[in-house]
Amino acid sequence: MQYCRGVVIITLLVSLALFHPVMEAGSLAAAPELAESVPAEDYPFYDLAVEDKFLTSQTKSVVIERMTATHLHPDEPQLPTLAWFAEREYFDGRLPQDLLRDFVTKNQRPSRLDRRFGFGVRYRFVSGEGGGDAETSLPVIPAAWLVQQEDGAPDIIDHLAFSRVGLNLRADQALLYVANPRPDGTGAGFLLWFVRRQKVWALYDTEVVWVSRPDQNSPSRR
C-alpha cells in the first residue's frame, strides 16, 4: 500500500514538472493579448503626431509597433521616472510636473494598440519579434496633399513606436513619445508636447531624445 502511494506521488510530480513549462510558455505567448488596451482618447494625439512629423504626399503605408513603448532611449532600459526627466531638462525644464507625473505613471507597463488610427493611409502592426498582421485600410490621402513633392521620401514608414499619452490636471496639455527606428539602423526618438487652445489640440513643441546614424555604434542622446 505504501509502495503504491509512493508511485502515485512520483507520477504526479513528473506530470506537474512536464506541464508547468507549457503553461508558462503559453502565458508568455498570450501576454500581448492580455495587456491593457490603449484608451480611445490617446489616438487623436497619435494621428496628430503622424500627420505633423512623418506623413508626406509619398506615404502609402505605416508600420506600427503593436505594444506601446516604455523605454525612451534604446540604450537606457529603465522605465521613465520624474528624476530621469529632471536630469535631462527636456523643453528647458518647462514641462508641468502634473503632466510629467501622469506620463510617467501611464508608461510603467506596455499597453496594446488597436485599430483606431485615423491618419489617412494604410497601416499594419508588428510585434517586437517582427511578426505582423494584415494592413488596415483607411481613406486615401486628401487630394490637396498630392500637390506636394518630397524628393526621396519613402513610401513606407517603417516603423513607429508610441508611448501612452500623459495629460496635465487641466487636460489642456499632453505629452507623447514617438520613436522611429528604421531597418537600416538609422532613426530617432521624439517627445511631442501638445497644447489645447479653444478646444483644438495642436503640436506645441518637439524635443529630440535620441538620434541614430549609420556611422554611430549606438544612438546618441540630444
C-alpha atoms as a PDB file:
ATOM      1  CA  MET A   1       0.000   0.000   0.000  1.00  0.00           C
ATOM      2  CA  GLN A   2       2.787   2.368   0.917  1.00  0.00           C
ATOM      3  CA  TYR A   3       4.627   1.429  -2.298  1.00  0.00           C
ATOM      4  CA  CYS A   4       1.572   2.263  -4.438  1.00  0.00           C
ATOM      5  CA  ARG A   5       1.136   5.609  -2.724  1.00  0.00           C
ATOM      6  CA  GLY A   6       4.755   6.483  -3.475  1.00  0.00           C
ATOM      7  CA  VAL A   7       4.335   5.600  -7.139  1.00  0.00           C
ATOM      8  CA  VAL A   8       1.258   7.840  -7.378  1.00  0.00           C
ATOM      9  CA  ILE A   9       3.112  10.783  -5.783  1.00  0.00           C
ATOM     10  CA  ILE A  10       6.093  10.424  -8.127  1.00  0.00           C
ATOM     11  CA  THR A  11       3.762  10.231 -11.138  1.00  0.00           C
ATOM     12  CA  LEU A  12       2.012  13.436 -10.062  1.00  0.00           C
ATOM     13  CA  LEU A  13       5.293  15.269  -9.579  1.00  0.00           C
ATOM     14  CA  VAL A  14       6.555  14.249 -13.031  1.00  0.00           C
ATOM     15  CA  SER A  15       3.277  15.340 -14.620  1.00  0.00           C
ATOM     16  CA  LEU A  16       3.449  18.746 -12.937  1.00  0.00           C
ATOM     17  CA  ALA A  17       7.069  19.232 -13.996  1.00  0.00           C
ATOM     18  CA  LEU A  18       6.189  18.486 -17.608  1.00  0.00           C
ATOM     19  CA  PHE A  19       3.033  20.591 -17.619  1.00  0.00           C
ATOM     20  CA  HIS A  20       4.433  23.732 -15.922  1.00  0.00           C
ATOM     21  CA  PRO A  21       6.766  24.886 -18.775  1.00  0.00           C
ATOM     22  CA  VAL A  22       3.909  24.531 -21.259  1.00  0.00           C
ATOM     23  CA  MET A  23       1.686  26.735 -19.124  1.00  0.00           C
ATOM     24  CA  GLU A  24       4.458  29.306 -18.710  1.00  0.00           C
ATOM     25  CA  ALA A  25       5.222  29.421 -22.433  1.00  0.00           C
ATOM     26  CA  GLY A  26       1.528  29.757 -23.209  1.00  0.00           C
ATOM     27  CA  SER A  27       1.189  32.635 -20.746  1.00  0.00           C
ATOM     28  CA  LEU A  28       4.124  34.460 -22.303  1.00  0.00           C
ATOM     29  CA  ALA A  29       2.781  33.995 -25.805  1.00  0.00           C
ATOM     30  CA  ALA A  30      -0.576  35.402 -24.777  1.00  0.00           C
ATOM     31  CA  ALA A  31       0.889  38.383 -22.925  1.00  0.00           C
ATOM     32  CA  PRO A  32       0.233  40.982 -25.691  1.00  0.00           C
ATOM     33  CA  GLU A  33      -3.388  39.874 -25.895  1.00  0.00           C
ATOM     34  CA  LEU A  34      -3.802  40.189 -22.127  1.00  0.00           C
ATOM     35  CA  ALA A  35      -2.229  43.650 -21.931  1.00  0.00           C
ATOM     36  CA  GLU A  36      -4.472  46.635 -21.295  1.00  0.00           C
ATOM     37  CA  SER A  37      -5.687  48.320 -24.472  1.00  0.00           C
ATOM     38  CA  VAL A  38      -4.803  51.946 -25.109  1.00  0.00           C
ATOM     39  CA  PRO A  39      -7.904  54.086 -24.452  1.00  0.00           C
ATOM     40  CA  ALA A  40      -9.633  55.802 -27.366  1.00  0.00           C
ATOM     41  CA  GLU A  41      -8.674  59.300 -26.170  1.00  0.00           C
ATOM     42  CA  ASP A  42      -4.972  58.667 -26.935  1.00  0.00           C
ATOM     43  CA  TYR A  43      -5.442  58.072 -30.664  1.00  0.00           C
ATOM     44  CA  PRO A  44      -6.100  61.682 -31.768  1.00  0.00           C
ATOM     45  CA  PHE A  45      -2.610  62.521 -30.453  1.00  0.00           C
ATOM     46  CA  TYR A  46      -1.094  59.603 -32.366  1.00  0.00           C
ATOM     47  CA  ASP A  47      -2.820  60.839 -35.519  1.00  0.00           C
ATOM     48  CA  LEU A  48      -1.554  64.392 -34.970  1.00  0.00           C
ATOM     49  CA  ALA A  49       1.988  63.106 -34.432  1.00  0.00           C
ATOM     50  CA  VAL A  50       1.973  61.020 -37.615  1.00  0.00           C
ATOM     51  CA  GLU A  51       0.418  63.777 -39.726  1.00  0.00           C
ATOM     52  CA  ASP A  52       2.679  66.562 -38.416  1.00  0.00           C
ATOM     53  CA  LYS A  53       6.004  64.724 -38.199  1.00  0.00           C
ATOM     54  CA  PHE A  54       6.048  61.751 -40.582  1.00  0.00           C
ATOM     55  CA  LEU A  55       3.463  61.696 -43.376  1.00  0.00           C
ATOM     56  CA  THR A  56       4.355  63.055 -46.802  1.00  0.00           C
ATOM     57  CA  SER A  57       2.497  63.016 -50.094  1.00  0.00           C
ATOM     58  CA  GLN A  58       4.527  59.894 -50.951  1.00  0.00           C
ATOM     59  CA  THR A  59       3.482  57.859 -47.911  1.00  0.00           C
ATOM     60  CA  LYS A  60       1.442  54.778 -48.767  1.00  0.00           C
ATOM     61  CA  SER A  61       1.758  52.709 -45.605  1.00  0.00           C
ATOM     62  CA  VAL A  62       2.873  52.958 -41.969  1.00  0.00           C
ATOM     63  CA  VAL A  63       4.237  50.131 -39.819  1.00  0.00           C
ATOM     64  CA  ILE A  64       3.391  50.485 -36.111  1.00  0.00           C
ATOM     65  CA  GLU A  65       4.708  48.627 -33.080  1.00  0.00           C
ATOM     66  CA  ARG A  66       1.755  46.808 -31.520  1.00  0.00           C
ATOM     67  CA  MET A  67       2.762  47.410 -27.874  1.00  0.00           C
ATOM     68  CA  THR A  68       3.409  50.898 -26.523  1.00  0.00           C
ATOM     69  CA  ALA A  69       6.960  51.981 -25.737  1.00  0.00           C
ATOM     70  CA  THR A  70       8.036  52.183 -22.095  1.00  0.00           C
ATOM     71  CA  HIS A  71      11.739  52.973 -22.668  1.00  0.00           C
ATOM     72  CA  LEU A  72      12.588  56.383 -24.051  1.00  0.00           C
ATOM     73  CA  HIS A  73      16.116  55.591 -25.250  1.00  0.00           C
ATOM     74  CA  PRO A  74      17.421  52.409 -26.953  1.00  0.00           C
ATOM     75  CA  ASP A  75      20.488  52.259 -24.675  1.00  0.00           C
ATOM     76  CA  GLU A  76      18.645  53.046 -21.434  1.00  0.00           C
ATOM     77  CA  PRO A  77      16.368  50.146 -20.476  1.00  0.00           C
ATOM     78  CA  GLN A  78      14.955  51.732 -17.311  1.00  0.00           C
ATOM     79  CA  LEU A  79      11.354  52.899 -17.143  1.00  0.00           C
ATOM     80  CA  PRO A  80      10.729  56.681 -17.196  1.00  0.00           C
ATOM     81  CA  THR A  81      10.809  58.493 -13.855  1.00  0.00           C
ATOM     82  CA  LEU A  82      10.445  62.080 -12.695  1.00  0.00           C
ATOM     83  CA  ALA A  83      14.148  62.039 -11.781  1.00  0.00           C
ATOM     84  CA  TRP A  84      15.022  60.911 -15.333  1.00  0.00           C
ATOM     85  CA  PHE A  85      13.161  63.922 -16.775  1.00  0.00           C
ATOM     86  CA  ALA A  86      14.611  66.318 -14.184  1.00  0.00           C
ATOM     87  CA  GLU A  87      18.146  65.235 -15.067  1.00  0.00           C
ATOM     88  CA  ARG A  88      17.675  65.861 -18.802  1.00  0.00           C
ATOM     89  CA  GLU A  89      15.553  69.049 -18.625  1.00  0.00           C
ATOM     90  CA  TYR A  90      13.691  68.466 -21.871  1.00  0.00           C
ATOM     91  CA  PHE A  91      11.989  71.585 -23.241  1.00  0.00           C
ATOM     92  CA  ASP A  92      14.308  73.597 -20.961  1.00  0.00           C
ATOM     93  CA  GLY A  93      12.520  72.203 -17.917  1.00  0.00           C
ATOM     94  CA  ARG A  94       9.197  73.869 -18.860  1.00  0.00           C
ATOM     95  CA  LEU A  95       7.037  70.744 -18.748  1.00  0.00           C
ATOM     96  CA  PRO A  96       4.494  70.973 -15.877  1.00  0.00           C
ATOM     97  CA  GLN A  97       5.064  68.488 -13.058  1.00  0.00           C
ATOM     98  CA  ASP A  98       1.497  67.178 -13.154  1.00  0.00           C
ATOM     99  CA  LEU A  99       1.925  66.458 -16.877  1.00  0.00           C
ATOM    100  CA  LEU A 100       5.178  64.580 -16.231  1.00  0.00           C
ATOM    101  CA  ARG A 101       3.651  62.608 -13.343  1.00  0.00           C
ATOM    102  CA  ASP A 102       0.771  61.413 -15.492  1.00  0.00           C
ATOM    103  CA  PHE A 103       3.117  60.489 -18.346  1.00  0.00           C
ATOM    104  CA  VAL A 104       5.424  58.536 -16.033  1.00  0.00           C
ATOM    105  CA  THR A 105       2.529  56.729 -14.332  1.00  0.00           C
ATOM    106  CA  LYS A 106       0.939  55.635 -17.604  1.00  0.00           C
ATOM    107  CA  ASN A 107       4.208  54.362 -19.091  1.00  0.00           C
ATOM    108  CA  GLN A 108       5.309  51.905 -16.422  1.00  0.00           C
ATOM    109  CA  ARG A 109       3.951  48.970 -18.442  1.00  0.00           C
ATOM    110  CA  PRO A 110       3.194  48.425 -22.145  1.00  0.00           C
ATOM    111  CA  SER A 111      -0.359  48.681 -23.458  1.00  0.00           C
ATOM    112  CA  ARG A 112      -1.835  47.197 -26.612  1.00  0.00           C
ATOM    113  CA  LEU A 113      -2.645  49.403 -29.597  1.00  0.00           C
ATOM    114  CA  ASP A 114      -5.807  48.641 -31.563  1.00  0.00           C
ATOM    115  CA  ARG A 115      -7.154  49.584 -34.992  1.00  0.00           C
ATOM    116  CA  ARG A 116      -8.249  53.097 -34.027  1.00  0.00           C
ATOM    117  CA  PHE A 117      -5.803  55.199 -36.064  1.00  0.00           C
ATOM    118  CA  GLY A 118      -7.211  57.740 -38.481  1.00  0.00           C
ATOM    119  CA  PHE A 119      -4.269  59.446 -40.184  1.00  0.00           C
ATOM    120  CA  GLY A 120      -5.445  58.597 -43.693  1.00  0.00           C
ATOM    121  CA  VAL A 121      -3.132  55.888 -45.083  1.00  0.00           C
ATOM    122  CA  ARG A 122      -2.867  52.134 -44.659  1.00  0.00           C
ATOM    123  CA  TYR A 123      -1.089  50.783 -41.614  1.00  0.00           C
ATOM    124  CA  ARG A 124      -0.198  47.467 -40.040  1.00  0.00           C
ATOM    125  CA  PHE A 125       1.073  46.319 -36.682  1.00  0.00           C
ATOM    126  CA  VAL A 126       4.271  44.431 -35.877  1.00  0.00           C
ATOM    127  CA  SER A 127       5.355  42.839 -32.632  1.00  0.00           C
ATOM    128  CA  GLY A 128       8.764  43.091 -31.008  1.00  0.00           C
ATOM    129  CA  GLU A 129       9.690  39.791 -32.658  1.00  0.00           C
ATOM    130  CA  GLY A 130       8.949  41.203 -36.108  1.00  0.00           C
ATOM    131  CA  GLY A 131       5.649  39.430 -36.714  1.00  0.00           C
ATOM    132  CA  GLY A 132       2.830  41.484 -38.173  1.00  0.00           C
ATOM    133  CA  ASP A 133      -0.803  41.356 -39.122  1.00  0.00           C
ATOM    134  CA  ALA A 134      -2.747  42.460 -42.158  1.00  0.00           C
ATOM    135  CA  GLU A 135      -2.887  46.083 -43.216  1.00  0.00           C
ATOM    136  CA  THR A 136      -5.866  48.139 -42.160  1.00  0.00           C
ATOM    137  CA  SER A 137      -7.400  50.146 -44.972  1.00  0.00           C
ATOM    138  CA  LEU A 138      -8.237  53.771 -44.312  1.00  0.00           C
ATOM    139  CA  PRO A 139      -9.373  56.669 -46.529  1.00  0.00           C
ATOM    140  CA  VAL A 140      -6.805  57.807 -49.081  1.00  0.00           C
ATOM    141  CA  ILE A 141      -4.597  60.834 -48.562  1.00  0.00           C
ATOM    142  CA  PRO A 142      -6.502  64.089 -49.170  1.00  0.00           C
ATOM    143  CA  ALA A 143      -6.078  65.280 -52.762  1.00  0.00           C
ATOM    144  CA  ALA A 144      -4.563  68.605 -51.669  1.00  0.00           C
ATOM    145  CA  TRP A 145      -1.558  66.736 -50.253  1.00  0.00           C
ATOM    146  CA  LEU A 146      -0.759  65.191 -53.613  1.00  0.00           C
ATOM    147  CA  VAL A 147       0.353  68.576 -54.951  1.00  0.00           C
ATOM    148  CA  GLN A 148       3.401  68.450 -52.673  1.00  0.00           C
ATOM    149  CA  GLN A 149       6.534  66.702 -53.900  1.00  0.00           C
ATOM    150  CA  GLU A 150       9.054  65.351 -51.375  1.00  0.00           C
ATOM    151  CA  ASP A 151      12.010  64.044 -53.367  1.00  0.00           C
ATOM    152  CA  GLY A 152      13.347  60.800 -51.950  1.00  0.00           C
ATOM    153  CA  ALA A 153      10.661  60.443 -49.269  1.00  0.00           C
ATOM    154  CA  PRO A 154       9.968  56.746 -48.524  1.00  0.00           C
ATOM    155  CA  ASP A 155       6.529  55.421 -49.385  1.00  0.00           C
ATOM    156  CA  ILE A 156       6.511  53.164 -46.300  1.00  0.00           C
ATOM    157  CA  ILE A 157       7.274  54.465 -42.804  1.00  0.00           C
ATOM    158  CA  ASP A 158       8.947  51.525 -41.057  1.00  0.00           C
ATOM    159  CA  HIS A 159       8.389  51.781 -38.250  1.00  0.00           C
ATOM    160  CA  LEU A 160       6.827  53.900 -35.458  1.00  0.00           C
ATOM    161  CA  ALA A 161       6.522  53.151 -31.742  1.00  0.00           C
ATOM    162  CA  PHE A 162       4.268  55.212 -29.467  1.00  0.00           C
ATOM    163  CA  SER A 163       4.099  55.684 -25.722  1.00  0.00           C
ATOM    164  CA  ARG A 164       0.904  56.274 -23.795  1.00  0.00           C
ATOM    165  CA  VAL A 165      -0.182  59.928 -23.705  1.00  0.00           C
ATOM    166  CA  GLY A 166       0.258  61.918 -20.497  1.00  0.00           C
ATOM    167  CA  LEU A 167      -2.125  64.761 -19.611  1.00  0.00           C
ATOM    168  CA  ASN A 168      -1.935  67.578 -17.073  1.00  0.00           C
ATOM    169  CA  LEU A 169      -4.696  68.038 -14.482  1.00  0.00           C
ATOM    170  CA  ARG A 170      -6.498  70.668 -16.561  1.00  0.00           C
ATOM    171  CA  ALA A 171      -6.363  68.378 -19.601  1.00  0.00           C
ATOM    172  CA  ASP A 172      -5.082  71.185 -21.818  1.00  0.00           C
ATOM    173  CA  GLN A 173      -1.505  69.892 -22.251  1.00  0.00           C
ATOM    174  CA  ALA A 174      -0.334  66.473 -23.400  1.00  0.00           C
ATOM    175  CA  LEU A 175       2.993  64.668 -23.734  1.00  0.00           C
ATOM    176  CA  LEU A 176       3.806  61.817 -26.129  1.00  0.00           C
ATOM    177  CA  TYR A 177       6.973  59.891 -27.011  1.00  0.00           C
ATOM    178  CA  VAL A 178       7.368  58.597 -30.583  1.00  0.00           C
ATOM    179  CA  ALA A 179      10.291  56.501 -31.841  1.00  0.00           C
ATOM    180  CA  ASN A 180      11.167  55.864 -35.479  1.00  0.00           C
ATOM    181  CA  PRO A 181      13.809  53.087 -35.560  1.00  0.00           C
ATOM    182  CA  ARG A 182      14.379  52.173 -39.201  1.00  0.00           C
ATOM    183  CA  PRO A 183      15.512  48.841 -40.705  1.00  0.00           C
ATOM    184  CA  ASP A 184      18.813  50.378 -41.896  1.00  0.00           C
ATOM    185  CA  GLY A 185      19.856  51.210 -38.315  1.00  0.00           C
ATOM    186  CA  THR A 186      19.077  54.919 -38.517  1.00  0.00           C
ATOM    187  CA  GLY A 187      16.266  56.552 -36.597  1.00  0.00           C
ATOM    188  CA  ALA A 188      15.304  58.945 -33.846  1.00  0.00           C
ATOM    189  CA  GLY A 189      13.073  59.343 -30.815  1.00  0.00           C
ATOM    190  CA  PHE A 190      10.990  62.416 -30.033  1.00  0.00           C
ATOM    191  CA  LEU A 191       8.987  63.934 -27.215  1.00  0.00           C
ATOM    192  CA  LEU A 192       5.962  65.811 -28.530  1.00  0.00           C
ATOM    193  CA  TRP A 193       4.283  68.494 -26.415  1.00  0.00           C
ATOM    194  CA  PHE A 194       0.683  69.280 -27.329  1.00  0.00           C
ATOM    195  CA  VAL A 195      -1.425  72.220 -26.140  1.00  0.00           C
ATOM    196  CA  ARG A 196      -5.209  72.677 -26.373  1.00  0.00           C
ATOM    197  CA  ARG A 197      -6.458  76.132 -27.261  1.00  0.00           C
ATOM    198  CA  GLN A 198     -10.160  76.865 -27.798  1.00  0.00           C
ATOM    199  CA  LYS A 199     -10.928  73.128 -27.737  1.00  0.00           C
ATOM    200  CA  VAL A 200      -8.424  72.393 -30.519  1.00  0.00           C
ATOM    201  CA  TRP A 201      -5.279  70.341 -29.896  1.00  0.00           C
ATOM    202  CA  ALA A 202      -2.092  71.285 -31.739  1.00  0.00           C
ATOM    203  CA  LEU A 203       1.568  70.313 -31.583  1.00  0.00           C
ATOM    204  CA  TYR A 204       3.284  72.987 -29.489  1.00  0.00           C
ATOM    205  CA  ASP A 205       6.929  71.862 -29.367  1.00  0.00           C
ATOM    206  CA  THR A 206       9.211  68.916 -30.168  1.00  0.00           C
ATOM    207  CA  GLU A 207      12.317  67.639 -28.409  1.00  0.00           C
ATOM    208  CA  VAL A 208      14.716  65.133 -29.963  1.00  0.00           C
ATOM    209  CA  VAL A 209      15.563  62.465 -27.364  1.00  0.00           C
ATOM    210  CA  TRP A 210      17.987  60.351 -29.411  1.00  0.00           C
ATOM    211  CA  VAL A 211      19.357  60.026 -32.943  1.00  0.00           C
ATOM    212  CA  SER A 212      20.942  57.005 -34.609  1.00  0.00           C
ATOM    213  CA  ARG A 213      23.129  57.261 -37.719  1.00  0.00           C
ATOM    214  CA  PRO A 214      24.902  54.535 -39.748  1.00  0.00           C
ATOM    215  CA  ASP A 215      28.338  55.742 -38.629  1.00  0.00           C
ATOM    216  CA  GLN A 216      27.469  55.522 -34.921  1.00  0.00           C
ATOM    217  CA  ASN A 217      27.928  52.462 -32.739  1.00  0.00           C
ATOM    218  CA  SER A 218      24.948  53.407 -30.583  1.00  0.00           C
ATOM    219  CA  PRO A 219      22.191  56.061 -30.581  1.00  0.00           C
ATOM    220  CA  SER A 220      23.318  59.430 -29.264  1.00  0.00           C
ATOM    221  CA  ARG A 221      21.364  61.494 -26.770  1.00  0.00           C
ATOM    222  CA  ARG A 222      20.342  65.001 -27.777  1.00  0.00           C
END
